[in-house]
């Protein structure tokens, strides 16, 4: 008796984030082997949020916060520049 028939099919580790971003497992996406994954529907392979099949929720949140803070920083710089011009006049 082979162990393959006794234990069933091999399990896949599932999708992860890229190595550069910590290689964390993605929740909410089923673990399919590559051959089986190619035949699945798109809804089984993603999560309904930006970067749904690539980044975790915390990484998406960090990107949103970072972009917001950068935008705020540019706004403050512009405001200080206009105040400085008014002061010199």
C-alpha atoms as a PDB file:
ATOM      1  CA  UNK A   1       0.000   0.000   0.000  1.00  0.00           C
ATOM      2  CA  UNK A   2       1.459   3.353  -1.038  1.00  0.00           C
ATOM      3  CA  UNK A   3       1.376   6.284   1.361  1.00  0.00           C
ATOM      4  CA  UNK A   4      -0.054   8.486  -1.386  1.00  0.00           C
ATOM      5  CA  UNK A   5      -3.312   6.533  -1.526  1.00  0.00           C
ATOM      6  CA  UNK A   6      -3.488   6.203   2.270  1.00  0.00           C
ATOM      7  CA  UNK A   7      -3.043   9.869   3.075  1.00  0.00           C
ATOM      8  CA  UNK A   8      -4.657  11.456   0.035  1.00  0.00           C
ATOM      9  CA  UNK A   9      -3.272  14.257  -2.065  1.00  0.00           C
ATOM     10  CA  UNK A  10      -0.421  16.501  -0.994  1.00  0.00           C
ATOM     11  CA  UNK A  11      -1.357  19.859   0.494  1.00  0.00           C
ATOM     12  CA  UNK A  12       0.014  23.141  -0.762  1.00  0.00           C
ATOM     13  CA  UNK A  13       1.347  25.843   1.569  1.00  0.00           C
ATOM     14  CA  UNK A  14      -0.889  28.386  -0.123  1.00  0.00           C
ATOM     15  CA  UNK A  15      -0.138  31.846  -1.451  1.00  0.00           C
ATOM     16  CA  UNK A  16       2.286  34.123   0.373  1.00  0.00           C
ATOM     17  CA  UNK A  17       3.367  37.739   0.102  1.00  0.00           C
ATOM     18  CA  UNK A  18       6.624  38.375  -1.808  1.00  0.00           C
ATOM     19  CA  UNK A  19       9.881  37.547  -0.031  1.00  0.00           C
ATOM     20  CA  UNK A  20      10.831  41.226   0.105  1.00  0.00           C
ATOM     21  CA  UNK A  21       7.649  41.963   2.093  1.00  0.00           C
ATOM     22  CA  UNK A  22       8.050  39.247   4.714  1.00  0.00           C
ATOM     23  CA  UNK A  23       6.686  36.127   2.966  1.00  0.00           C
ATOM     24  CA  UNK A  24       3.526  35.959   5.120  1.00  0.00           C
ATOM     25  CA  UNK A  25       0.598  33.667   4.356  1.00  0.00           C
ATOM     26  CA  UNK A  26      -2.459  35.280   2.778  1.00  0.00           C
ATOM     27  CA  UNK A  27      -5.683  34.639   4.678  1.00  0.00           C
ATOM     28  CA  UNK A  28      -8.925  33.989   2.834  1.00  0.00           C
ATOM     29  CA  UNK A  29      -7.368  32.282  -0.178  1.00  0.00           C
ATOM     30  CA  UNK A  30      -7.646  28.526  -0.564  1.00  0.00           C
ATOM     31  CA  UNK A  31      -4.516  26.414  -0.774  1.00  0.00           C
ATOM     32  CA  UNK A  32      -4.404  24.783  -4.192  1.00  0.00           C
ATOM     33  CA  UNK A  33      -1.510  23.107  -5.954  1.00  0.00           C
ATOM     34  CA  UNK A  34      -0.411  24.916  -9.101  1.00  0.00           C
ATOM     35  CA  UNK A  35      -2.106  22.555 -11.590  1.00  0.00           C
ATOM     36  CA  UNK A  36      -5.413  22.656  -9.711  1.00  0.00           C
ATOM     37  CA  UNK A  37      -5.106  26.438  -9.155  1.00  0.00           C
ATOM     38  CA  UNK A  38      -4.972  27.078 -12.890  1.00  0.00           C
ATOM     39  CA  UNK A  39      -8.476  25.578 -13.264  1.00  0.00           C
ATOM     40  CA  UNK A  40     -10.105  27.487 -10.377  1.00  0.00           C
ATOM     41  CA  UNK A  41     -12.354  30.529 -10.599  1.00  0.00           C
ATOM     42  CA  UNK A  42     -10.874  33.965  -9.970  1.00  0.00           C
ATOM     43  CA  UNK A  43     -12.985  34.442  -6.816  1.00  0.00           C
ATOM     44  CA  UNK A  44     -11.231  31.458  -5.203  1.00  0.00           C
ATOM     45  CA  UNK A  45      -7.788  32.929  -5.864  1.00  0.00           C
ATOM     46  CA  UNK A  46      -8.215  36.508  -4.613  1.00  0.00           C
ATOM     47  CA  UNK A  47      -9.683  38.557  -1.799  1.00  0.00           C
ATOM     48  CA  UNK A  48     -11.911  41.555  -2.536  1.00  0.00           C
ATOM     49  CA  UNK A  49      -9.585  44.420  -1.601  1.00  0.00           C
ATOM     50  CA  UNK A  50      -6.733  46.225  -3.362  1.00  0.00           C
ATOM     51  CA  UNK A  51      -3.768  43.870  -3.903  1.00  0.00           C
ATOM     52  CA  UNK A  52      -6.143  41.063  -2.820  1.00  0.00           C
ATOM     53  CA  UNK A  53      -4.064  38.125  -3.957  1.00  0.00           C
ATOM     54  CA  UNK A  54      -0.677  39.680  -3.239  1.00  0.00           C
ATOM     55  CA  UNK A  55      -0.574  41.645   0.037  1.00  0.00           C
ATOM     56  CA  UNK A  56      -2.000  41.035   3.510  1.00  0.00           C
ATOM     57  CA  UNK A  57      -4.557  43.414   5.019  1.00  0.00           C
ATOM     58  CA  UNK A  58      -1.965  45.014   7.296  1.00  0.00           C
ATOM     59  CA  UNK A  59       0.392  45.687   4.380  1.00  0.00           C
ATOM     60  CA  UNK A  60      -2.428  47.306   2.374  1.00  0.00           C
ATOM     61  CA  UNK A  61      -3.356  49.426   5.408  1.00  0.00           C
ATOM     62  CA  UNK A  62       0.286  50.528   5.828  1.00  0.00           C
ATOM     63  CA  UNK A  63       0.473  51.560   2.172  1.00  0.00           C
ATOM     64  CA  UNK A  64      -2.715  53.620   2.478  1.00  0.00           C
ATOM     65  CA  UNK A  65      -1.512  55.331   5.660  1.00  0.00           C
ATOM     66  CA  UNK A  66       1.923  56.013   4.152  1.00  0.00           C
ATOM     67  CA  UNK A  67       0.460  57.598   1.032  1.00  0.00           C
ATOM     68  CA  UNK A  68      -1.902  59.715   3.169  1.00  0.00           C
ATOM     69  CA  UNK A  69       0.972  60.936   5.347  1.00  0.00           C
ATOM     70  CA  UNK A  70       3.096  61.804   2.305  1.00  0.00           C
ATOM     71  CA  UNK A  71       0.177  63.782   0.864  1.00  0.00           C
ATOM     72  CA  UNK A  72      -0.261  65.622   4.184  1.00  0.00           C
ATOM     73  CA  UNK A  73       3.458  66.362   4.305  1.00  0.00           C
ATOM     74  CA  UNK A  74       3.401  67.978   0.845  1.00  0.00           C
ATOM     75  CA  UNK A  75       0.337  70.019   1.846  1.00  0.00           C
ATOM     76  CA  UNK A  76       2.089  71.297   5.000  1.00  0.00           C
ATOM     77  CA  UNK A  77       5.229  72.189   3.028  1.00  0.00           C
ATOM     78  CA  UNK A  78       3.137  74.184   0.559  1.00  0.00           C
ATOM     79  CA  UNK A  79       1.325  75.932   3.411  1.00  0.00           C
ATOM     80  CA  UNK A  80       4.582  76.879   5.169  1.00  0.00           C
ATOM     81  CA  UNK A  81       5.995  78.187   1.909  1.00  0.00           C
ATOM     82  CA  UNK A  82       2.999  80.495   1.374  1.00  0.00           C
ATOM     83  CA  UNK A  83       3.161  81.709   4.990  1.00  0.00           C
ATOM     84  CA  UNK A  84       6.857  82.455   4.593  1.00  0.00           C
ATOM     85  CA  UNK A  85       6.173  84.505   1.447  1.00  0.00           C
ATOM     86  CA  UNK A  86       3.462  86.513   3.243  1.00  0.00           C
ATOM     87  CA  UNK A  87       5.821  87.168   6.174  1.00  0.00           C
ATOM     88  CA  UNK A  88       8.543  88.642   3.938  1.00  0.00           C
ATOM     89  CA  UNK A  89       6.144  91.093   2.265  1.00  0.00           C
END
